[in-house]
Amino acid sequence: MARLTLVEQSPGYFTVEGNLTFASIDQQSLQSFKSLKGIDTICIDLAKVGTTDSAGLALMIEWIKQSRLIRAQLRFKNIPDQLLALAKLSGFDETEYYSGSASSTAPNNVNDIHG
């Protein structure tokens, strides 16, 4: 199991490394943004994510909820294909947070979900 690590690269810009699975997501992952008061924009880059399952999608939804609580705009970058497929299966791709395919948002497989 690749341990899940959320690394702050600069204020409000995070990279996720490891797996987004039931086995790797812990309480600390769920509470990631509760202490980020005063940040207007948060970007989470998922390019270094290995394996993912429905817990990964649930964590993304939790991060959206947390960003709304602190009134920050949230953007996900480089969403893995597995998570995009899960979003479509669950209907999450039809919500206001899902912006569509990589080709419609930006080059280099950048997908955005805003919170």
PDB file of N, CA and C in Angstrom:
ATOM      1  N   MET A   1       0.840  -1.193   0.000  1.00  0.00           N
ATOM      2  CA  MET A   1       0.000   0.000   0.000  1.00  0.00           C
ATOM      3  C   MET A   1       0.876   1.244   0.000  1.00  0.00           C
ATOM      4  N   ALA A   2       0.626   2.157  -0.942  1.00  0.00           N
ATOM      5  CA  ALA A   2       1.333   3.423  -0.974  1.00  0.00           C
ATOM      6  C   ALA A   2       0.602   4.405  -0.068  1.00  0.00           C
ATOM      7  N   ARG A   3       1.299   4.876   0.926  1.00  0.00           N
ATOM      8  CA  ARG A   3       0.727   5.796   1.914  1.00  0.00           C
ATOM      9  C   ARG A   3       0.299   7.091   1.244  1.00  0.00           C
ATOM     10  N   LEU A   4      -0.822   7.625   1.642  1.00  0.00           N
ATOM     11  CA  LEU A   4      -1.345   8.880   1.110  1.00  0.00           C
ATOM     12  C   LEU A   4      -0.651  10.044   1.798  1.00  0.00           C
ATOM     13  N   THR A   5      -0.091  10.946   1.001  1.00  0.00           N
ATOM     14  CA  THR A   5       0.570  12.123   1.538  1.00  0.00           C
ATOM     15  C   THR A   5       0.054  13.352   0.804  1.00  0.00           C
ATOM     16  N   LEU A   6      -0.333  14.355   1.555  1.00  0.00           N
ATOM     17  CA  LEU A   6      -0.747  15.636   1.006  1.00  0.00           C
ATOM     18  C   LEU A   6       0.365  16.627   1.309  1.00  0.00           C
ATOM     19  N   VAL A   7       1.026  17.123   0.258  1.00  0.00           N
ATOM     20  CA  VAL A   7       2.202  17.974   0.422  1.00  0.00           C
ATOM     21  C   VAL A   7       1.859  19.388  -0.042  1.00  0.00           C
ATOM     22  N   GLU A   8       2.060  20.369   0.856  1.00  0.00           N
ATOM     23  CA  GLU A   8       1.823  21.757   0.473  1.00  0.00           C
ATOM     24  C   GLU A   8       3.073  22.274  -0.243  1.00  0.00           C
ATOM     25  N   GLN A   9       2.940  22.533  -1.548  1.00  0.00           N
ATOM     26  CA  GLN A   9       4.047  23.015  -2.364  1.00  0.00           C
ATOM     27  C   GLN A   9       4.241  24.528  -2.199  1.00  0.00           C
ATOM     28  N   SER A  10       3.142  25.237  -2.039  1.00  0.00           N
ATOM     29  CA  SER A  10       3.132  26.671  -1.780  1.00  0.00           C
ATOM     30  C   SER A  10       1.781  26.964  -1.125  1.00  0.00           C
ATOM     31  N   PRO A  11       1.578  28.156  -0.572  1.00  0.00           N
ATOM     32  CA  PRO A  11       0.307  28.418   0.103  1.00  0.00           C
ATOM     33  C   PRO A  11      -0.894  28.137  -0.807  1.00  0.00           C
ATOM     34  N   GLY A  12      -1.699  27.165  -0.411  1.00  0.00           N
ATOM     35  CA  GLY A  12      -2.896  26.823  -1.159  1.00  0.00           C
ATOM     36  C   GLY A  12      -2.701  25.846  -2.304  1.00  0.00           C
ATOM     37  N   TYR A  13      -1.460  25.449  -2.601  1.00  0.00           N
ATOM     38  CA  TYR A  13      -1.205  24.500  -3.692  1.00  0.00           C
ATOM     39  C   TYR A  13      -0.644  23.205  -3.111  1.00  0.00           C
ATOM     40  N   PHE A  14      -1.395  22.123  -3.283  1.00  0.00           N
ATOM     41  CA  PHE A  14      -1.047  20.833  -2.696  1.00  0.00           C
ATOM     42  C   PHE A  14      -0.885  19.771  -3.772  1.00  0.00           C
ATOM     43  N   THR A  15       0.026  18.844  -3.541  1.00  0.00           N
ATOM     44  CA  THR A  15       0.106  17.650  -4.365  1.00  0.00           C
ATOM     45  C   THR A  15      -0.259  16.454  -3.493  1.00  0.00           C
ATOM     46  N   VAL A  16      -0.947  15.518  -4.095  1.00  0.00           N
ATOM     47  CA  VAL A  16      -1.306  14.286  -3.416  1.00  0.00           C
ATOM     48  C   VAL A  16      -0.418  13.188  -3.978  1.00  0.00           C
ATOM     49  N   GLU A  17       0.240  12.471  -3.081  1.00  0.00           N
ATOM     50  CA  GLU A  17       1.113  11.375  -3.482  1.00  0.00           C
ATOM     51  C   GLU A  17       0.643  10.103  -2.805  1.00  0.00           C
ATOM     52  N   GLY A  18       0.657   8.994  -3.545  1.00  0.00           N
ATOM     53  CA  GLY A  18       0.225   7.712  -2.993  1.00  0.00           C
ATOM     54  C   GLY A  18      -1.103   7.295  -3.566  1.00  0.00           C
ATOM     55  N   ASN A  19      -1.797   6.442  -2.843  1.00  0.00           N
ATOM     56  CA  ASN A  19      -3.080   5.895  -3.290  1.00  0.00           C
ATOM     57  C   ASN A  19      -4.238   6.587  -2.594  1.00  0.00           C
ATOM     58  N   LEU A  20      -5.329   6.752  -3.328  1.00  0.00           N
ATOM     59  CA  LEU A  20      -6.571   7.271  -2.756  1.00  0.00           C
ATOM     60  C   LEU A  20      -7.528   6.092  -2.637  1.00  0.00           C
ATOM     61  N   THR A  21      -7.345   5.291  -1.587  1.00  0.00           N
ATOM     62  CA  THR A  21      -8.140   4.091  -1.389  1.00  0.00           C
ATOM     63  C   THR A  21      -8.621   4.005   0.060  1.00  0.00           C
ATOM     64  N   PHE A  22      -9.547   3.095   0.303  1.00  0.00           N
ATOM     65  CA  PHE A  22     -10.028   2.875   1.670  1.00  0.00           C
ATOM     66  C   PHE A  22      -8.864   2.585   2.612  1.00  0.00           C
ATOM     67  N   ALA A  23      -7.878   1.855   2.137  1.00  0.00           N
ATOM     68  CA  ALA A  23      -6.751   1.460   2.983  1.00  0.00           C
ATOM     69  C   ALA A  23      -5.805   2.610   3.296  1.00  0.00           C
ATOM     70  N   SER A  24      -5.749   3.637   2.443  1.00  0.00           N
ATOM     71  CA  SER A  24      -4.748   4.693   2.634  1.00  0.00           C
ATOM     72  C   SER A  24      -5.303   5.996   3.200  1.00  0.00           C
ATOM     73  N   ILE A  25      -6.609   6.194   3.134  1.00  0.00           N
ATOM     74  CA  ILE A  25      -7.208   7.447   3.623  1.00  0.00           C
ATOM     75  C   ILE A  25      -7.462   7.321   5.118  1.00  0.00           C
ATOM     76  N   ASP A  26      -6.975   8.303   5.867  1.00  0.00           N
ATOM     77  CA  ASP A  26      -7.145   8.283   7.315  1.00  0.00           C
ATOM     78  C   ASP A  26      -7.834   9.570   7.777  1.00  0.00           C
ATOM     79  N   GLN A  27      -8.009   9.694   9.067  1.00  0.00           N
ATOM     80  CA  GLN A  27      -8.690  10.859   9.640  1.00  0.00           C
ATOM     81  C   GLN A  27      -7.959  12.159   9.309  1.00  0.00           C
ATOM     82  N   GLN A  28      -6.645  12.123   9.282  1.00  0.00           N
ATOM     83  CA  GLN A  28      -5.865  13.318   8.957  1.00  0.00           C
ATOM     84  C   GLN A  28      -6.164  13.783   7.529  1.00  0.00           C
ATOM     85  N   SER A  29      -6.319  12.841   6.604  1.00  0.00           N
ATOM     86  CA  SER A  29      -6.669  13.181   5.224  1.00  0.00           C
ATOM     87  C   SER A  29      -8.023  13.872   5.166  1.00  0.00           C
ATOM     88  N   LEU A  30      -8.956  13.375   5.960  1.00  0.00           N
ATOM     89  CA  LEU A  30     -10.302  13.936   5.961  1.00  0.00           C
ATOM     90  C   LEU A  30     -10.347  15.354   6.521  1.00  0.00           C
ATOM     91  N   GLN A  31      -9.445  15.674   7.431  1.00  0.00           N
ATOM     92  CA  GLN A  31      -9.443  16.976   8.099  1.00  0.00           C
ATOM     93  C   GLN A  31      -8.422  17.948   7.506  1.00  0.00           C
ATOM     94  N   SER A  32      -7.926  17.670   6.320  1.00  0.00           N
ATOM     95  CA  SER A  32      -6.789  18.377   5.728  1.00  0.00           C
ATOM     96  C   SER A  32      -6.896  19.893   5.714  1.00  0.00           C
ATOM     97  N   PHE A  33      -8.066  20.428   5.434  1.00  0.00           N
ATOM     98  CA  PHE A  33      -8.169  21.868   5.199  1.00  0.00           C
ATOM     99  C   PHE A  33      -8.818  22.654   6.327  1.00  0.00           C
ATOM    100  N   LYS A  34      -9.124  22.008   7.421  1.00  0.00           N
ATOM    101  CA  LYS A  34      -9.820  22.711   8.499  1.00  0.00           C
ATOM    102  C   LYS A  34      -8.995  23.841   9.102  1.00  0.00           C
ATOM    103  N   SER A  35      -7.679  23.792   8.960  1.00  0.00           N
ATOM    104  CA  SER A  35      -6.834  24.839   9.537  1.00  0.00           C
ATOM    105  C   SER A  35      -6.375  25.871   8.506  1.00  0.00           C
ATOM    106  N   LEU A  36      -6.924  25.863   7.313  1.00  0.00           N
ATOM    107  CA  LEU A  36      -6.470  26.764   6.247  1.00  0.00           C
ATOM    108  C   LEU A  36      -7.314  28.034   6.151  1.00  0.00           C
ATOM    109  N   LYS A  37      -7.569  28.653   7.234  1.00  0.00           N
ATOM    110  CA  LYS A  37      -8.334  29.897   7.230  1.00  0.00           C
ATOM    111  C   LYS A  37      -7.546  30.990   6.504  1.00  0.00           C
ATOM    112  N   GLY A  38      -8.245  31.823   5.748  1.00  0.00           N
ATOM    113  CA  GLY A  38      -7.608  32.955   5.090  1.00  0.00           C
ATOM    114  C   GLY A  38      -7.040  32.660   3.710  1.00  0.00           C
ATOM    115  N   ILE A  39      -7.153  31.422   3.237  1.00  0.00           N
ATOM    116  CA  ILE A  39      -6.705  31.104   1.884  1.00  0.00           C
ATOM    117  C   ILE A  39      -7.925  31.136   0.971  1.00  0.00           C
ATOM    118  N   ASP A  40      -7.850  31.939  -0.090  1.00  0.00           N
ATOM    119  CA  ASP A  40      -8.991  32.103  -0.990  1.00  0.00           C
ATOM    120  C   ASP A  40      -9.112  30.983  -2.012  1.00  0.00           C
ATOM    121  N   THR A  41      -7.972  30.444  -2.444  1.00  0.00           N
ATOM    122  CA  THR A  41      -7.963  29.437  -3.493  1.00  0.00           C
ATOM    123  C   THR A  41      -7.087  28.264  -3.077  1.00  0.00           C
ATOM    124  N   ILE A  42      -7.605  27.066  -3.278  1.00  0.00           N
ATOM    125  CA  ILE A  42      -6.859  25.839  -2.996  1.00  0.00           C
ATOM    126  C   ILE A  42      -6.821  25.016  -4.279  1.00  0.00           C
ATOM    127  N   CYS A  43      -5.637  24.566  -4.652  1.00  0.00           N
ATOM    128  CA  CYS A  43      -5.480  23.692  -5.801  1.00  0.00           C
ATOM    129  C   CYS A  43      -4.874  22.380  -5.312  1.00  0.00           C
ATOM    130  N   ILE A  44      -5.486  21.267  -5.703  1.00  0.00           N
ATOM    131  CA  ILE A  44      -4.985  19.948  -5.346  1.00  0.00           C
ATOM    132  C   ILE A  44      -4.604  19.233  -6.635  1.00  0.00           C
ATOM    133  N   ASP A  45      -3.319  18.964  -6.786  1.00  0.00           N
ATOM    134  CA  ASP A  45      -2.796  18.285  -7.967  1.00  0.00           C
ATOM    135  C   ASP A  45      -2.738  16.784  -7.683  1.00  0.00           C
ATOM    136  N   LEU A  46      -3.454  16.006  -8.479  1.00  0.00           N
ATOM    137  CA  LEU A  46      -3.559  14.569  -8.276  1.00  0.00           C
ATOM    138  C   LEU A  46      -2.684  13.767  -9.245  1.00  0.00           C
ATOM    139  N   ALA A  47      -1.717  14.414  -9.879  1.00  0.00           N
ATOM    140  CA  ALA A  47      -0.881  13.752 -10.883  1.00  0.00           C
ATOM    141  C   ALA A  47      -0.077  12.586 -10.316  1.00  0.00           C
ATOM    142  N   LYS A  48       0.268  12.621  -9.036  1.00  0.00           N
ATOM    143  CA  LYS A  48       1.107  11.574  -8.440  1.00  0.00           C
ATOM    144  C   LYS A  48       0.306  10.508  -7.697  1.00  0.00           C
ATOM    145  N   VAL A  49      -1.002  10.477  -7.928  1.00  0.00           N
ATOM    146  CA  VAL A  49      -1.854   9.462  -7.302  1.00  0.00           C
ATOM    147  C   VAL A  49      -1.668   8.152  -8.050  1.00  0.00           C
ATOM    148  N   GLY A  50      -1.510   7.075  -7.282  1.00  0.00           N
ATOM    149  CA  GLY A  50      -1.387   5.736  -7.874  1.00  0.00           C
ATOM    150  C   GLY A  50      -2.758   5.147  -8.111  1.00  0.00           C
ATOM    151  N   THR A  51      -3.152   4.243  -7.250  1.00  0.00           N
ATOM    152  CA  THR A  51      -4.442   3.566  -7.341  1.00  0.00           C
ATOM    153  C   THR A  51      -5.501   4.376  -6.615  1.00  0.00           C
ATOM    154  N   THR A  52      -6.726   4.255  -7.091  1.00  0.00           N
ATOM    155  CA  THR A  52      -7.827   4.929  -6.419  1.00  0.00           C
ATOM    156  C   THR A  52      -9.069   4.048  -6.463  1.00  0.00           C
ATOM    157  N   ASP A  53      -9.989   4.309  -5.552  1.00  0.00           N
ATOM    158  CA  ASP A  53     -11.279   3.630  -5.538  1.00  0.00           C
ATOM    159  C   ASP A  53     -12.332   4.640  -5.106  1.00  0.00           C
ATOM    160  N   SER A  54     -13.512   4.174  -4.772  1.00  0.00           N
ATOM    161  CA  SER A  54     -14.596   5.102  -4.433  1.00  0.00           C
ATOM    162  C   SER A  54     -14.273   5.956  -3.205  1.00  0.00           C
ATOM    163  N   ALA A  55     -13.382   5.491  -2.345  1.00  0.00           N
ATOM    164  CA  ALA A  55     -12.971   6.308  -1.199  1.00  0.00           C
ATOM    165  C   ALA A  55     -12.242   7.565  -1.670  1.00  0.00           C
ATOM    166  N   GLY A  56     -11.537   7.479  -2.776  1.00  0.00           N
ATOM    167  CA  GLY A  56     -10.872   8.652  -3.337  1.00  0.00           C
ATOM    168  C   GLY A  56     -11.875   9.707  -3.762  1.00  0.00           C
ATOM    169  N   LEU A  57     -12.945   9.279  -4.398  1.00  0.00           N
ATOM    170  CA  LEU A  57     -14.002  10.205  -4.789  1.00  0.00           C
ATOM    171  C   LEU A  57     -14.677  10.796  -3.554  1.00  0.00           C
ATOM    172  N   ALA A  58     -14.903   9.960  -2.546  1.00  0.00           N
ATOM    173  CA  ALA A  58     -15.506  10.449  -1.295  1.00  0.00           C
ATOM    174  C   ALA A  58     -14.606  11.487  -0.627  1.00  0.00           C
ATOM    175  N   LEU A  59     -13.303  11.272  -0.675  1.00  0.00           N
ATOM    176  CA  LEU A  59     -12.374  12.239  -0.090  1.00  0.00           C
ATOM    177  C   LEU A  59     -12.422  13.559  -0.858  1.00  0.00           C
ATOM    178  N   MET A  60     -12.498  13.489  -2.181  1.00  0.00           N
ATOM    179  CA  MET A  60     -12.611  14.721  -2.969  1.00  0.00           C
ATOM    180  C   MET A  60     -13.867  15.492  -2.589  1.00  0.00           C
ATOM    181  N   ILE A  61     -14.966  14.789  -2.398  1.00  0.00           N
ATOM    182  CA  ILE A  61     -16.222  15.440  -1.994  1.00  0.00           C
ATOM    183  C   ILE A  61     -16.073  16.053  -0.605  1.00  0.00           C
ATOM    184  N   GLU A  62     -15.385  15.366   0.305  1.00  0.00           N
ATOM    185  CA  GLU A  62     -15.136  15.911   1.646  1.00  0.00           C
ATOM    186  C   GLU A  62     -14.295  17.182   1.555  1.00  0.00           C
ATOM    187  N   TRP A  63     -13.269  17.184   0.695  1.00  0.00           N
ATOM    188  CA  TRP A  63     -12.448  18.377   0.521  1.00  0.00           C
ATOM    189  C   TRP A  63     -13.266  19.542  -0.039  1.00  0.00           C
ATOM    190  N   ILE A  64     -14.220  19.241  -0.910  1.00  0.00           N
ATOM    191  CA  ILE A  64     -15.114  20.289  -1.425  1.00  0.00           C
ATOM    192  C   ILE A  64     -15.916  20.882  -0.269  1.00  0.00           C
ATOM    193  N   LYS A  65     -16.465  20.011   0.580  1.00  0.00           N
ATOM    194  CA  LYS A  65     -17.225  20.485   1.746  1.00  0.00           C
ATOM    195  C   LYS A  65     -16.356  21.363   2.646  1.00  0.00           C
ATOM    196  N   GLN A  66     -15.128  20.919   2.915  1.00  0.00           N
ATOM    197  CA  GLN A  66     -14.236  21.699   3.778  1.00  0.00           C
ATOM    198  C   GLN A  66     -13.884  23.041   3.154  1.00  0.00           C
ATOM    199  N   SER A  67     -13.654  23.058   1.857  1.00  0.00           N
ATOM    200  CA  SER A  67     -13.306  24.323   1.204  1.00  0.00           C
ATOM    201  C   SER A  67     -14.470  25.307   1.274  1.00  0.00           C
ATOM    202  N   ARG A  68     -15.679  24.790   1.177  1.00  0.00           N
ATOM    203  CA  ARG A  68     -16.851  25.665   1.285  1.00  0.00           C
ATOM    204  C   ARG A  68     -16.965  26.245   2.696  1.00  0.00           C
ATOM    205  N   LEU A  69     -16.641  25.440   3.712  1.00  0.00           N
ATOM    206  CA  LEU A  69     -16.713  25.908   5.091  1.00  0.00           C
ATOM    207  C   LEU A  69     -15.741  27.054   5.360  1.00  0.00           C
ATOM    208  N   ILE A  70     -14.571  27.014   4.717  1.00  0.00           N
ATOM    209  CA  ILE A  70     -13.602  28.095   4.925  1.00  0.00           C
ATOM    210  C   ILE A  70     -13.685  29.151   3.819  1.00  0.00           C
ATOM    211  N   ARG A  71     -14.691  29.012   2.972  1.00  0.00           N
ATOM    212  CA  ARG A  71     -14.969  29.954   1.884  1.00  0.00           C
ATOM    213  C   ARG A  71     -13.796  30.101   0.907  1.00  0.00           C
ATOM    214  N   ALA A  72     -13.240  28.970   0.529  1.00  0.00           N
ATOM    215  CA  ALA A  72     -12.141  28.960  -0.440  1.00  0.00           C
ATOM    216  C   ALA A  72     -12.618  28.273  -1.725  1.00  0.00           C
ATOM    217  N   GLN A  73     -12.126  28.756  -2.836  1.00  0.00           N
ATOM    218  CA  GLN A  73     -12.413  28.094  -4.105  1.00  0.00           C
ATOM    219  C   GLN A  73     -11.443  26.926  -4.254  1.00  0.00           C
ATOM    220  N   LEU A  74     -11.969  25.763  -4.584  1.00  0.00           N
ATOM    221  CA  LEU A  74     -11.152  24.556  -4.691  1.00  0.00           C
ATOM    222  C   LEU A  74     -11.080  24.117  -6.142  1.00  0.00           C
ATOM    223  N   ARG A  75      -9.868  23.731  -6.561  1.00  0.00           N
ATOM    224  CA  ARG A  75      -9.662  23.223  -7.915  1.00  0.00           C
ATOM    225  C   ARG A  75      -8.838  21.955  -7.833  1.00  0.00           C
ATOM    226  N   PHE A  76      -9.295  20.908  -8.513  1.00  0.00           N
ATOM    227  CA  PHE A  76      -8.534  19.672  -8.636  1.00  0.00           C
ATOM    228  C   PHE A  76      -7.858  19.672  -9.998  1.00  0.00           C
ATOM    229  N   LYS A  77      -6.613  19.275 -10.017  1.00  0.00           N
ATOM    230  CA  LYS A  77      -5.824  19.258 -11.243  1.00  0.00           C
ATOM    231  C   LYS A  77      -5.320  17.835 -11.478  1.00  0.00           C
ATOM    232  N   ASN A  78      -5.300  17.405 -12.735  1.00  0.00           N
ATOM    233  CA  ASN A  78      -4.787  16.077 -13.112  1.00  0.00           C
ATOM    234  C   ASN A  78      -5.531  14.941 -12.425  1.00  0.00           C
ATOM    235  N   ILE A  79      -6.842  14.954 -12.539  1.00  0.00           N
ATOM    236  CA  ILE A  79      -7.674  13.922 -11.934  1.00  0.00           C
ATOM    237  C   ILE A  79      -7.437  12.601 -12.670  1.00  0.00           C
ATOM    238  N   PRO A  80      -7.082  11.536 -11.938  1.00  0.00           N
ATOM    239  CA  PRO A  80      -6.837  10.244 -12.584  1.00  0.00           C
ATOM    240  C   PRO A  80      -8.076   9.709 -13.311  1.00  0.00           C
ATOM    241  N   ASP A  81      -7.832   8.966 -14.380  1.00  0.00           N
ATOM    242  CA  ASP A  81      -8.929   8.395 -15.167  1.00  0.00           C
ATOM    243  C   ASP A  81      -9.867   7.552 -14.318  1.00  0.00           C
ATOM    244  N   GLN A  82      -9.311   6.807 -13.343  1.00  0.00           N
ATOM    245  CA  GLN A  82     -10.147   5.976 -12.467  1.00  0.00           C
ATOM    246  C   GLN A  82     -11.167   6.829 -11.717  1.00  0.00           C
ATOM    247  N   LEU A  83     -10.740   8.008 -11.235  1.00  0.00           N
ATOM    248  CA  LEU A  83     -11.659   8.887 -10.510  1.00  0.00           C
ATOM    249  C   LEU A  83     -12.675   9.520 -11.456  1.00  0.00           C
ATOM    250  N   LEU A  84     -12.249   9.829 -12.670  1.00  0.00           N
ATOM    251  CA  LEU A  84     -13.195  10.376 -13.643  1.00  0.00           C
ATOM    252  C   LEU A  84     -14.281   9.352 -13.964  1.00  0.00           C
ATOM    253  N   ALA A  85     -13.886   8.079 -14.103  1.00  0.00           N
ATOM    254  CA  ALA A  85     -14.855   7.021 -14.376  1.00  0.00           C
ATOM    255  C   ALA A  85     -15.824   6.843 -13.200  1.00  0.00           C
ATOM    256  N   LEU A  86     -15.304   6.884 -11.978  1.00  0.00           N
ATOM    257  CA  LEU A  86     -16.165   6.771 -10.794  1.00  0.00           C
ATOM    258  C   LEU A  86     -17.132   7.951 -10.709  1.00  0.00           C
ATOM    259  N   ALA A  87     -16.657   9.135 -11.064  1.00  0.00           N
ATOM    260  CA  ALA A  87     -17.521  10.315 -11.049  1.00  0.00           C
ATOM    261  C   ALA A  87     -18.686  10.128 -12.016  1.00  0.00           C
ATOM    262  N   LYS A  88     -18.409   9.568 -13.176  1.00  0.00           N
ATOM    263  CA  LYS A  88     -19.473   9.327 -14.154  1.00  0.00           C
ATOM    264  C   LYS A  88     -20.449   8.260 -13.660  1.00  0.00           C
ATOM    265  N   LEU A  89     -19.929   7.181 -13.075  1.00  0.00           N
ATOM    266  CA  LEU A  89     -20.789   6.117 -12.556  1.00  0.00           C
ATOM    267  C   LEU A  89     -21.722   6.611 -11.460  1.00  0.00           C
ATOM    268  N   SER A  90     -21.222   7.498 -10.630  1.00  0.00           N
ATOM    269  CA  SER A  90     -21.999   7.976  -9.488  1.00  0.00           C
ATOM    270  C   SER A  90     -22.884   9.174  -9.819  1.00  0.00           C
ATOM    271  N   GLY A  91     -22.708   9.731 -11.016  1.00  0.00           N
ATOM    272  CA  GLY A  91     -23.467  10.920 -11.375  1.00  0.00           C
ATOM    273  C   GLY A  91     -22.808  12.209 -10.921  1.00  0.00           C
ATOM    274  N   PHE A  92     -21.668  12.107 -10.261  1.00  0.00           N
ATOM    275  CA  PHE A  92     -20.962  13.291  -9.775  1.00  0.00           C
ATOM    276  C   PHE A  92     -20.530  14.191 -10.927  1.00  0.00           C
ATOM    277  N   ASP A  93     -20.315  13.602 -12.104  1.00  0.00           N
ATOM    278  CA  ASP A  93     -19.900  14.386 -13.259  1.00  0.00           C
ATOM    279  C   ASP A  93     -20.995  15.325 -13.742  1.00  0.00           C
ATOM    280  N   GLU A  94     -22.227  15.127 -13.262  1.00  0.00           N
ATOM    281  CA  GLU A  94     -23.337  15.983 -13.657  1.00  0.00           C
ATOM    282  C   GLU A  94     -23.620  17.096 -12.647  1.00  0.00           C
ATOM    283  N   THR A  95     -22.798  17.205 -11.624  1.00  0.00           N
ATOM    284  CA  THR A  95     -22.988  18.249 -10.629  1.00  0.00           C
ATOM    285  C   THR A  95     -22.242  19.507 -11.037  1.00  0.00           C
ATOM    286  N   GLU A  96     -22.457  20.562 -10.308  1.00  0.00           N
ATOM    287  CA  GLU A  96     -21.801  21.835 -10.596  1.00  0.00           C
ATOM    288  C   GLU A  96     -20.303  21.805 -10.351  1.00  0.00           C
ATOM    289  N   TYR A  97     -19.807  20.779  -9.659  1.00  0.00           N
ATOM    290  CA  TYR A  97     -18.389  20.721  -9.309  1.00  0.00           C
ATOM    291  C   TYR A  97     -17.524  20.065 -10.372  1.00  0.00           C
ATOM    292  N   TYR A  98     -18.145  19.429 -11.315  1.00  0.00           N
ATOM    293  CA  TYR A  98     -17.400  18.698 -12.332  1.00  0.00           C
ATOM    294  C   TYR A  98     -17.434  19.498 -13.625  1.00  0.00           C
ATOM    295  N   SER A  99     -16.258  19.767 -14.194  1.00  0.00           N
ATOM    296  CA  SER A  99     -16.227  20.653 -15.349  1.00  0.00           C
ATOM    297  C   SER A  99     -16.130  19.954 -16.688  1.00  0.00           C
ATOM    298  N   GLY A 100     -16.032  18.629 -16.725  1.00  0.00           N
ATOM    299  CA  GLY A 100     -16.007  17.934 -18.006  1.00  0.00           C
ATOM    300  C   GLY A 100     -14.686  17.290 -18.306  1.00  0.00           C
ATOM    301  N   SER A 101     -14.468  17.048 -19.580  1.00  0.00           N
ATOM    302  CA  SER A 101     -13.280  16.307 -20.019  1.00  0.00           C
ATOM    303  C   SER A 101     -12.039  17.173 -20.032  1.00  0.00           C
ATOM    304  N   ALA A 102     -10.901  16.517 -20.072  1.00  0.00           N
ATOM    305  CA  ALA A 102      -9.616  17.202 -20.082  1.00  0.00           C
ATOM    306  C   ALA A 102      -9.504  18.111 -21.282  1.00  0.00           C
ATOM    307  N   SER A 103      -9.971  17.664 -22.430  1.00  0.00           N
ATOM    308  CA  SER A 103      -9.815  18.459 -23.642  1.00  0.00           C
ATOM    309  C   SER A 103     -10.653  19.730 -23.609  1.00  0.00           C
ATOM    310  N   SER A 104     -11.728  19.729 -22.815  1.00  0.00           N
ATOM    311  CA  SER A 104     -12.563  20.919 -22.773  1.00  0.00           C
ATOM    312  C   SER A 104     -12.100  21.937 -21.738  1.00  0.00           C
ATOM    313  N   THR A 105     -11.198  21.560 -20.838  1.00  0.00           N
ATOM    314  CA  THR A 105     -10.800  22.497 -19.789  1.00  0.00           C
ATOM    315  C   THR A 105      -9.419  23.089 -19.999  1.00  0.00           C
ATOM    316  N   ALA A 106      -8.463  22.273 -20.367  1.00  0.00           N
ATOM    317  CA  ALA A 106      -7.101  22.767 -20.541  1.00  0.00           C
ATOM    318  C   ALA A 106      -6.243  21.650 -21.116  1.00  0.00           C
ATOM    319  N   PRO A 107      -5.078  21.997 -21.655  1.00  0.00           N
ATOM    320  CA  PRO A 107      -4.186  20.958 -22.153  1.00  0.00           C
ATOM    321  C   PRO A 107      -3.538  20.176 -21.014  1.00  0.00           C
ATOM    322  N   ASN A 108      -2.815  19.127 -21.340  1.00  0.00           N
ATOM    323  CA  ASN A 108      -2.027  18.341 -20.382  1.00  0.00           C
ATOM    324  C   ASN A 108      -2.862  17.616 -19.336  1.00  0.00           C
ATOM    325  N   ASN A 109      -4.039  17.129 -19.730  1.00  0.00           N
ATOM    326  CA  ASN A 109      -4.871  16.342 -18.831  1.00  0.00           C
ATOM    327  C   ASN A 109      -5.194  17.074 -17.531  1.00  0.00           C
ATOM    328  N   VAL A 110      -5.578  18.309 -17.638  1.00  0.00           N
ATOM    329  CA  VAL A 110      -5.978  19.089 -16.470  1.00  0.00           C
ATOM    330  C   VAL A 110      -7.497  19.124 -16.426  1.00  0.00           C
ATOM    331  N   ASN A 111      -8.058  18.653 -15.341  1.00  0.00           N
ATOM    332  CA  ASN A 111      -9.495  18.694 -15.114  1.00  0.00           C
ATOM    333  C   ASN A 111      -9.728  19.487 -13.849  1.00  0.00           C
ATOM    334  N   ASP A 112     -10.759  20.265 -13.836  1.00  0.00           N
ATOM    335  CA  ASP A 112     -11.040  21.097 -12.672  1.00  0.00           C
ATOM    336  C   ASP A 112     -12.389  20.741 -12.084  1.00  0.00           C
ATOM    337  N   ILE A 113     -12.430  20.686 -10.783  1.00  0.00           N
ATOM    338  CA  ILE A 113     -13.679  20.620 -10.037  1.00  0.00           C
ATOM    339  C   ILE A 113     -13.598  21.776  -9.057  1.00  0.00           C
ATOM    340  N   HIS A 114     -14.570  22.641  -9.088  1.00  0.00           N
ATOM    341  CA  HIS A 114     -14.532  23.824  -8.228  1.00  0.00           C
ATOM    342  C   HIS A 114     -15.484  23.654  -7.068  1.00  0.00           C
ATOM    343  N   GLY A 115     -15.077  24.141  -5.910  1.00  0.00           N
ATOM    344  CA  GLY A 115     -15.923  24.090  -4.719  1.00  0.00           C
ATOM    345  C   GLY A 115     -16.176  25.465  -4.228  1.00  0.00           C
TER     346      GLY A 115
END
